[in-house]
PDB file of N, CA and C in Angstrom:
ATOM      1  N   MET A   1       0.846  -1.173   0.000  1.00  0.00           N
ATOM      2  CA  MET A   1       0.000   0.000   0.000  1.00  0.00           C
ATOM      3  C   MET A   1       0.896   1.242   0.000  1.00  0.00           C
ATOM      4  N   SER A   2       0.608   2.179  -0.867  1.00  0.00           N
ATOM      5  CA  SER A   2       1.409   3.396  -0.968  1.00  0.00           C
ATOM      6  C   SER A   2       1.134   4.317   0.216  1.00  0.00           C
ATOM      7  N   LEU A   3       2.013   5.280   0.409  1.00  0.00           N
ATOM      8  CA  LEU A   3       1.804   6.257   1.473  1.00  0.00           C
ATOM      9  C   LEU A   3       0.504   7.027   1.242  1.00  0.00           C
ATOM     10  N   ALA A   4       0.223   7.393  -0.003  1.00  0.00           N
ATOM     11  CA  ALA A   4      -1.019   8.109  -0.312  1.00  0.00           C
ATOM     12  C   ALA A   4      -2.236   7.270   0.073  1.00  0.00           C
ATOM     13  N   ASP A   5      -2.181   5.974  -0.193  1.00  0.00           N
ATOM     14  CA  ASP A   5      -3.288   5.081   0.174  1.00  0.00           C
ATOM     15  C   ASP A   5      -3.429   4.994   1.699  1.00  0.00           C
ATOM     16  N   GLN A   6      -2.298   4.910   2.394  1.00  0.00           N
ATOM     17  CA  GLN A   6      -2.333   4.840   3.857  1.00  0.00           C
ATOM     18  C   GLN A   6      -2.909   6.127   4.449  1.00  0.00           C
ATOM     19  N   LEU A   7      -2.504   7.261   3.898  1.00  0.00           N
ATOM     20  CA  LEU A   7      -3.022   8.539   4.388  1.00  0.00           C
ATOM     21  C   LEU A   7      -4.521   8.668   4.124  1.00  0.00           C
ATOM     22  N   ALA A   8      -4.960   8.214   2.950  1.00  0.00           N
ATOM     23  CA  ALA A   8      -6.389   8.264   2.632  1.00  0.00           C
ATOM     24  C   ALA A   8      -7.180   7.375   3.597  1.00  0.00           C
ATOM     25  N   ALA A   9      -6.647   6.193   3.906  1.00  0.00           N
ATOM     26  CA  ALA A   9      -7.320   5.292   4.844  1.00  0.00           C
ATOM     27  C   ALA A   9      -7.381   5.911   6.240  1.00  0.00           C
ATOM     28  N   THR A  10      -6.308   6.568   6.650  1.00  0.00           N
ATOM     29  CA  THR A  10      -6.286   7.235   7.952  1.00  0.00           C
ATOM     30  C   THR A  10      -7.308   8.361   7.981  1.00  0.00           C
ATOM     31  N   ARG A  11      -7.404   9.106   6.892  1.00  0.00           N
ATOM     32  CA  ARG A  11      -8.374  10.203   6.799  1.00  0.00           C
ATOM     33  C   ARG A  11      -9.804   9.676   6.900  1.00  0.00           C
ATOM     34  N   ARG A  12     -10.088   8.576   6.209  1.00  0.00           N
ATOM     35  CA  ARG A  12     -11.435   7.990   6.263  1.00  0.00           C
ATOM     36  C   ARG A  12     -11.768   7.507   7.673  1.00  0.00           C
ATOM     37  N   ALA A  13     -10.803   6.872   8.335  1.00  0.00           N
ATOM     38  CA  ALA A  13     -11.018   6.390   9.702  1.00  0.00           C
ATOM     39  C   ALA A  13     -11.278   7.566  10.645  1.00  0.00           C
ATOM     40  N   PHE A  14     -10.538   8.650  10.462  1.00  0.00           N
ATOM     41  CA  PHE A  14     -10.738   9.864  11.262  1.00  0.00           C
ATOM     42  C   PHE A  14     -12.150  10.391  11.066  1.00  0.00           C
ATOM     43  N   GLU A  15     -12.597  10.466   9.820  1.00  0.00           N
ATOM     44  CA  GLU A  15     -13.928  10.993   9.505  1.00  0.00           C
ATOM     45  C   GLU A  15     -15.033  10.154  10.162  1.00  0.00           C
ATOM     46  N   LYS A  16     -14.835   8.837  10.226  1.00  0.00           N
ATOM     47  CA  LYS A  16     -15.858   7.951  10.802  1.00  0.00           C
ATOM     48  C   LYS A  16     -16.009   8.131  12.308  1.00  0.00           C
ATOM     49  N   LYS A  17     -14.899   8.382  13.006  1.00  0.00           N
ATOM     50  CA  LYS A  17     -14.955   8.391  14.468  1.00  0.00           C
ATOM     51  C   LYS A  17     -14.995   9.793  15.086  1.00  0.00           C
ATOM     52  N   THR A  18     -14.884  10.827  14.275  1.00  0.00           N
ATOM     53  CA  THR A  18     -14.824  12.190  14.789  1.00  0.00           C
ATOM     54  C   THR A  18     -16.163  12.892  14.603  1.00  0.00           C
ATOM     55  N   PRO A  19     -16.659  13.550  15.623  1.00  0.00           N
ATOM     56  CA  PRO A  19     -17.912  14.305  15.462  1.00  0.00           C
ATOM     57  C   PRO A  19     -17.770  15.317  14.313  1.00  0.00           C
ATOM     58  N   PRO A  20     -18.813  15.477  13.504  1.00  0.00           N
ATOM     59  CA  PRO A  20     -18.726  16.345  12.326  1.00  0.00           C
ATOM     60  C   PRO A  20     -18.255  17.768  12.626  1.00  0.00           C
ATOM     61  N   GLU A  21     -18.681  18.344  13.738  1.00  0.00           N
ATOM     62  CA  GLU A  21     -18.274  19.728  14.037  1.00  0.00           C
ATOM     63  C   GLU A  21     -16.778  19.824  14.332  1.00  0.00           C
ATOM     64  N   ILE A  22     -16.221  18.780  14.925  1.00  0.00           N
ATOM     65  CA  ILE A  22     -14.780  18.754  15.203  1.00  0.00           C
ATOM     66  C   ILE A  22     -14.012  18.540  13.900  1.00  0.00           C
ATOM     67  N   ALA A  23     -14.474  17.615  13.086  1.00  0.00           N
ATOM     68  CA  ALA A  23     -13.816  17.360  11.807  1.00  0.00           C
ATOM     69  C   ALA A  23     -13.820  18.615  10.941  1.00  0.00           C
ATOM     70  N   GLU A  24     -14.946  19.314  10.910  1.00  0.00           N
ATOM     71  CA  GLU A  24     -15.044  20.540  10.110  1.00  0.00           C
ATOM     72  C   GLU A  24     -14.072  21.600  10.613  1.00  0.00           C
ATOM     73  N   ARG A  25     -13.960  21.739  11.923  1.00  0.00           N
ATOM     74  CA  ARG A  25     -13.020  22.706  12.502  1.00  0.00           C
ATOM     75  C   ARG A  25     -11.585  22.364  12.096  1.00  0.00           C
ATOM     76  N   MET A  26     -11.253  21.086  12.126  1.00  0.00           N
ATOM     77  CA  MET A  26      -9.900  20.668  11.745  1.00  0.00           C
ATOM     78  C   MET A  26      -9.659  20.887  10.253  1.00  0.00           C
ATOM     79  N   HIS A  27     -10.663  20.615   9.429  1.00  0.00           N
ATOM     80  CA  HIS A  27     -10.527  20.848   7.983  1.00  0.00           C
ATOM     81  C   HIS A  27     -10.332  22.335   7.693  1.00  0.00           C
ATOM     82  N   ARG A  28     -11.066  23.189   8.406  1.00  0.00           N
ATOM     83  CA  ARG A  28     -10.908  24.640   8.225  1.00  0.00           C
ATOM     84  C   ARG A  28      -9.498  25.085   8.611  1.00  0.00           C
ATOM     85  N   ALA A  29      -8.988  24.547   9.709  1.00  0.00           N
ATOM     86  CA  ALA A  29      -7.639  24.899  10.156  1.00  0.00           C
ATOM     87  C   ALA A  29      -6.600  24.454   9.131  1.00  0.00           C
ATOM     88  N   THR A  30      -6.792  23.277   8.566  1.00  0.00           N
ATOM     89  CA  THR A  30      -5.878  22.786   7.532  1.00  0.00           C
ATOM     90  C   THR A  30      -5.920  23.691   6.315  1.00  0.00           C
ATOM     91  N   GLU A  31      -7.106  24.085   5.910  1.00  0.00           N
ATOM     92  CA  GLU A  31      -7.258  24.976   4.752  1.00  0.00           C
ATOM     93  C   GLU A  31      -6.611  26.338   5.024  1.00  0.00           C
ATOM     94  N   GLU A  32      -6.758  26.846   6.235  1.00  0.00           N
ATOM     95  CA  GLU A  32      -6.116  28.114   6.594  1.00  0.00           C
ATOM     96  C   GLU A  32      -4.600  28.010   6.487  1.00  0.00           C
ATOM     97  N   LEU A  33      -4.055  26.885   6.919  1.00  0.00           N
ATOM     98  CA  LEU A  33      -2.613  26.676   6.788  1.00  0.00           C
ATOM     99  C   LEU A  33      -2.200  26.671   5.320  1.00  0.00           C
ATOM    100  N   ARG A  34      -2.935  25.933   4.505  1.00  0.00           N
ATOM    101  CA  ARG A  34      -2.618  25.892   3.078  1.00  0.00           C
ATOM    102  C   ARG A  34      -2.667  27.290   2.473  1.00  0.00           C
ATOM    103  N   ASN A  35      -3.689  28.061   2.823  1.00  0.00           N
ATOM    104  CA  ASN A  35      -3.862  29.407   2.275  1.00  0.00           C
ATOM    105  C   ASN A  35      -2.822  30.399   2.800  1.00  0.00           C
ATOM    106  N   SER A  36      -2.139  30.059   3.877  1.00  0.00           N
ATOM    107  CA  SER A  36      -1.151  30.966   4.458  1.00  0.00           C
ATOM    108  C   SER A  36       0.129  31.040   3.640  1.00  0.00           C
ATOM    109  N   GLY A  37       0.319  30.103   2.713  1.00  0.00           N
ATOM    110  CA  GLY A  37       1.552  30.066   1.931  1.00  0.00           C
ATOM    111  C   GLY A  37       2.640  29.215   2.553  1.00  0.00           C
ATOM    112  N   ILE A  38       2.316  28.525   3.630  1.00  0.00           N
ATOM    113  CA  ILE A  38       3.321  27.727   4.331  1.00  0.00           C
ATOM    114  C   ILE A  38       3.911  26.633   3.434  1.00  0.00           C
ATOM    115  N   LEU A  39       3.097  26.089   2.534  1.00  0.00           N
ATOM    116  CA  LEU A  39       3.597  25.031   1.657  1.00  0.00           C
ATOM    117  C   LEU A  39       4.660  25.549   0.704  1.00  0.00           C
ATOM    118  N   ASP A  40       4.568  26.822   0.329  1.00  0.00           N
ATOM    119  CA  ASP A  40       5.576  27.417  -0.552  1.00  0.00           C
ATOM    120  C   ASP A  40       6.918  27.568   0.145  1.00  0.00           C
ATOM    121  N   ARG A  41       6.893  27.676   1.471  1.00  0.00           N
ATOM    122  CA  ARG A  41       8.128  27.858   2.240  1.00  0.00           C
ATOM    123  C   ARG A  41       8.697  26.533   2.760  1.00  0.00           C
ATOM    124  N   ALA A  42       7.946  25.455   2.628  1.00  0.00           N
ATOM    125  CA  ALA A  42       8.390  24.158   3.147  1.00  0.00           C
ATOM    126  C   ALA A  42       9.484  23.576   2.259  1.00  0.00           C
ATOM    127  N   LEU A  43      10.350  22.786   2.870  1.00  0.00           N
ATOM    128  CA  LEU A  43      11.375  22.098   2.088  1.00  0.00           C
ATOM    129  C   LEU A  43      10.720  21.159   1.088  1.00  0.00           C
ATOM    130  N   LYS A  44      11.316  21.064  -0.077  1.00  0.00           N
ATOM    131  CA  LYS A  44      10.821  20.158  -1.119  1.00  0.00           C
ATOM    132  C   LYS A  44      11.671  18.891  -1.113  1.00  0.00           C
ATOM    133  N   LYS A  45      11.140  17.851  -1.709  1.00  0.00           N
ATOM    134  CA  LYS A  45      11.848  16.576  -1.807  1.00  0.00           C
ATOM    135  C   LYS A  45      13.233  16.814  -2.391  1.00  0.00           C
ATOM    136  N   GLY A  46      14.238  16.280  -1.722  1.00  0.00           N
ATOM    137  CA  GLY A  46      15.613  16.398  -2.190  1.00  0.00           C
ATOM    138  C   GLY A  46      16.364  17.588  -1.614  1.00  0.00           C
ATOM    139  N   GLN A  47      15.648  18.554  -1.030  1.00  0.00           N
ATOM    140  CA  GLN A  47      16.328  19.697  -0.422  1.00  0.00           C
ATOM    141  C   GLN A  47      16.893  19.302   0.938  1.00  0.00           C
ATOM    142  N   GLN A  48      17.996  19.938   1.294  1.00  0.00           N
ATOM    143  CA  GLN A  48      18.630  19.656   2.573  1.00  0.00           C
ATOM    144  C   GLN A  48      18.091  20.609   3.637  1.00  0.00           C
ATOM    145  N   ALA A  49      17.763  20.053   4.767  1.00  0.00           N
ATOM    146  CA  ALA A  49      17.287  20.873   5.888  1.00  0.00           C
ATOM    147  C   ALA A  49      18.456  21.642   6.491  1.00  0.00           C
ATOM    148  N   PRO A  50      18.202  22.834   7.003  1.00  0.00           N
ATOM    149  CA  PRO A  50      19.277  23.570   7.688  1.00  0.00           C
ATOM    150  C   PRO A  50      19.620  22.870   9.001  1.00  0.00           C
ATOM    151  N   ASP A  51      20.816  23.142   9.503  1.00  0.00           N
ATOM    152  CA  ASP A  51      21.193  22.603  10.807  1.00  0.00           C
ATOM    153  C   ASP A  51      20.236  23.161  11.863  1.00  0.00           C
ATOM    154  N   PHE A  52      19.943  22.342  12.857  1.00  0.00           N
ATOM    155  CA  PHE A  52      19.047  22.768  13.930  1.00  0.00           C
ATOM    156  C   PHE A  52      19.371  21.996  15.190  1.00  0.00           C
ATOM    157  N   SER A  53      18.876  22.489  16.297  1.00  0.00           N
ATOM    158  CA  SER A  53      18.982  21.797  17.580  1.00  0.00           C
ATOM    159  C   SER A  53      17.597  21.736  18.193  1.00  0.00           C
ATOM    160  N   LEU A  54      17.296  20.593  18.790  1.00  0.00           N
ATOM    161  CA  LEU A  54      16.015  20.378  19.449  1.00  0.00           C
ATOM    162  C   LEU A  54      16.247  19.596  20.731  1.00  0.00           C
ATOM    163  N   PRO A  55      15.357  19.750  21.708  1.00  0.00           N
ATOM    164  CA  PRO A  55      15.505  18.937  22.919  1.00  0.00           C
ATOM    165  C   PRO A  55      15.053  17.501  22.658  1.00  0.00           C
ATOM    166  N   ASP A  56      15.779  16.554  23.240  1.00  0.00           N
ATOM    167  CA  ASP A  56      15.361  15.155  23.131  1.00  0.00           C
ATOM    168  C   ASP A  56      14.287  14.868  24.172  1.00  0.00           C
ATOM    169  N   THR A  57      13.915  13.611  24.315  1.00  0.00           N
ATOM    170  CA  THR A  57      12.836  13.256  25.245  1.00  0.00           C
ATOM    171  C   THR A  57      13.178  13.538  26.705  1.00  0.00           C
ATOM    172  N   ASN A  58      14.477  13.750  26.984  1.00  0.00           N
ATOM    173  CA  ASN A  58      14.918  14.065  28.345  1.00  0.00           C
ATOM    174  C   ASN A  58      15.179  15.557  28.532  1.00  0.00           C
ATOM    175  N   GLY A  59      14.903  16.363  27.485  1.00  0.00           N
ATOM    176  CA  GLY A  59      15.126  17.796  27.583  1.00  0.00           C
ATOM    177  C   GLY A  59      16.544  18.233  27.273  1.00  0.00           C
ATOM    178  N   VAL A  60      17.394  17.292  26.845  1.00  0.00           N
ATOM    179  CA  VAL A  60      18.777  17.608  26.493  1.00  0.00           C
ATOM    180  C   VAL A  60      18.817  18.062  25.035  1.00  0.00           C
ATOM    181  N   TRP A  61      19.439  19.203  24.785  1.00  0.00           N
ATOM    182  CA  TRP A  61      19.503  19.734  23.421  1.00  0.00           C
ATOM    183  C   TRP A  61      20.455  18.903  22.574  1.00  0.00           C
ATOM    184  N   VAL A  62      19.988  18.531  21.382  1.00  0.00           N
ATOM    185  CA  VAL A  62      20.743  17.686  20.457  1.00  0.00           C
ATOM    186  C   VAL A  62      20.838  18.413  19.121  1.00  0.00           C
ATOM    187  N   SER A  63      22.031  18.414  18.545  1.00  0.00           N
ATOM    188  CA  SER A  63      22.275  19.082  17.270  1.00  0.00           C
ATOM    189  C   SER A  63      22.094  18.105  16.111  1.00  0.00           C
ATOM    190  N   SER A  64      21.436  18.554  15.053  1.00  0.00           N
ATOM    191  CA  SER A  64      21.278  17.705  13.874  1.00  0.00           C
ATOM    192  C   SER A  64      22.638  17.377  13.274  1.00  0.00           C
ATOM    193  N   ALA A  65      23.551  18.321  13.297  1.00  0.00           N
ATOM    194  CA  ALA A  65      24.894  18.074  12.738  1.00  0.00           C
ATOM    195  C   ALA A  65      25.593  16.951  13.499  1.00  0.00           C
ATOM    196  N   ASP A  66      25.471  16.950  14.830  1.00  0.00           N
ATOM    197  CA  ASP A  66      26.082  15.879  15.627  1.00  0.00           C
ATOM    198  C   ASP A  66      25.473  14.524  15.281  1.00  0.00           C
ATOM    199  N   LEU A  67      24.158  14.496  15.143  1.00  0.00           N
ATOM    200  CA  LEU A  67      23.491  13.233  14.819  1.00  0.00           C
ATOM    201  C   LEU A  67      23.845  12.750  13.418  1.00  0.00           C
ATOM    202  N   LEU A  68      23.950  13.674  12.458  1.00  0.00           N
ATOM    203  CA  LEU A  68      24.280  13.284  11.084  1.00  0.00           C
ATOM    204  C   LEU A  68      25.680  12.702  10.972  1.00  0.00           C
ATOM    205  N   ARG A  69      26.583  13.099  11.862  1.00  0.00           N
ATOM    206  CA  ARG A  69      27.933  12.519  11.844  1.00  0.00           C
ATOM    207  C   ARG A  69      27.897  11.036  12.202  1.00  0.00           C
ATOM    208  N   LYS A  70      26.830  10.614  12.883  1.00  0.00           N
ATOM    209  CA  LYS A  70      26.690   9.210  13.280  1.00  0.00           C
ATOM    210  C   LYS A  70      25.974   8.377  12.218  1.00  0.00           C
ATOM    211  N   GLY A  71      25.294   9.045  11.273  1.00  0.00           N
ATOM    212  CA  GLY A  71      24.563   8.312  10.230  1.00  0.00           C
ATOM    213  C   GLY A  71      23.319   9.081   9.816  1.00  0.00           C
ATOM    214  N   PRO A  72      22.450   8.427   9.034  1.00  0.00           N
ATOM    215  CA  PRO A  72      21.225   9.092   8.560  1.00  0.00           C
ATOM    216  C   PRO A  72      20.353   9.563   9.728  1.00  0.00           C
ATOM    217  N   LEU A  73      19.582  10.605   9.458  1.00  0.00           N
ATOM    218  CA  LEU A  73      18.758  11.218  10.494  1.00  0.00           C
ATOM    219  C   LEU A  73      17.314  11.278  10.021  1.00  0.00           C
ATOM    220  N   VAL A  74      16.414  10.843  10.868  1.00  0.00           N
ATOM    221  CA  VAL A  74      14.980  10.952  10.611  1.00  0.00           C
ATOM    222  C   VAL A  74      14.402  11.854  11.694  1.00  0.00           C
ATOM    223  N   VAL A  75      13.640  12.865  11.276  1.00  0.00           N
ATOM    224  CA  VAL A  75      13.004  13.773  12.225  1.00  0.00           C
ATOM    225  C   VAL A  75      11.503  13.544  12.143  1.00  0.00           C
ATOM    226  N   SER A  76      10.890  13.312  13.268  1.00  0.00           N
ATOM    227  CA  SER A  76       9.455  13.085  13.333  1.00  0.00           C
ATOM    228  C   SER A  76       8.842  14.170  14.209  1.00  0.00           C
ATOM    229  N   PHE A  77       7.836  14.846  13.680  1.00  0.00           N
ATOM    230  CA  PHE A  77       7.143  15.886  14.434  1.00  0.00           C
ATOM    231  C   PHE A  77       5.871  15.304  15.026  1.00  0.00           C
ATOM    232  N   PHE A  78       5.729  15.413  16.316  1.00  0.00           N
ATOM    233  CA  PHE A  78       4.571  14.899  17.029  1.00  0.00           C
ATOM    234  C   PHE A  78       3.745  16.088  17.467  1.00  0.00           C
ATOM    235  N   ARG A  79       2.591  16.268  16.875  1.00  0.00           N
ATOM    236  CA  ARG A  79       1.782  17.463  17.109  1.00  0.00           C
ATOM    237  C   ARG A  79       1.274  17.556  18.546  1.00  0.00           C
ATOM    238  N   GLY A  80       0.908  16.466  19.119  1.00  0.00           N
ATOM    239  CA  GLY A  80       0.386  16.532  20.471  1.00  0.00           C
ATOM    240  C   GLY A  80      -0.132  15.194  20.928  1.00  0.00           C
ATOM    241  N   LYS A  81      -0.492  15.163  22.170  1.00  0.00           N
ATOM    242  CA  LYS A  81      -1.012  13.938  22.761  1.00  0.00           C
ATOM    243  C   LYS A  81      -2.421  14.241  23.234  1.00  0.00           C
ATOM    244  N   TRP A  82      -3.383  13.658  22.560  1.00  0.00           N
ATOM    245  CA  TRP A  82      -4.773  13.950  22.885  1.00  0.00           C
ATOM    246  C   TRP A  82      -5.387  12.783  23.597  1.00  0.00           C
TER     247      TRP A  82
END
């Protein structure tokens, strides 16, 4: 199954279990983000991310450059815990 198929399945599952007023609010927020131009400023496939530092799960700041010296780096953004 492709990533697009997985995302579509996740979207359908979300729609089934989420109250319509909540789903609509989330769709509006997504549309506002798209209309803000944020996608034009996002990195494109193949572009290199700038160096950055973020806190790890223990609150210790970690540099992307330090991690890249050890091997490939995957960054995952976790929006929140609901």
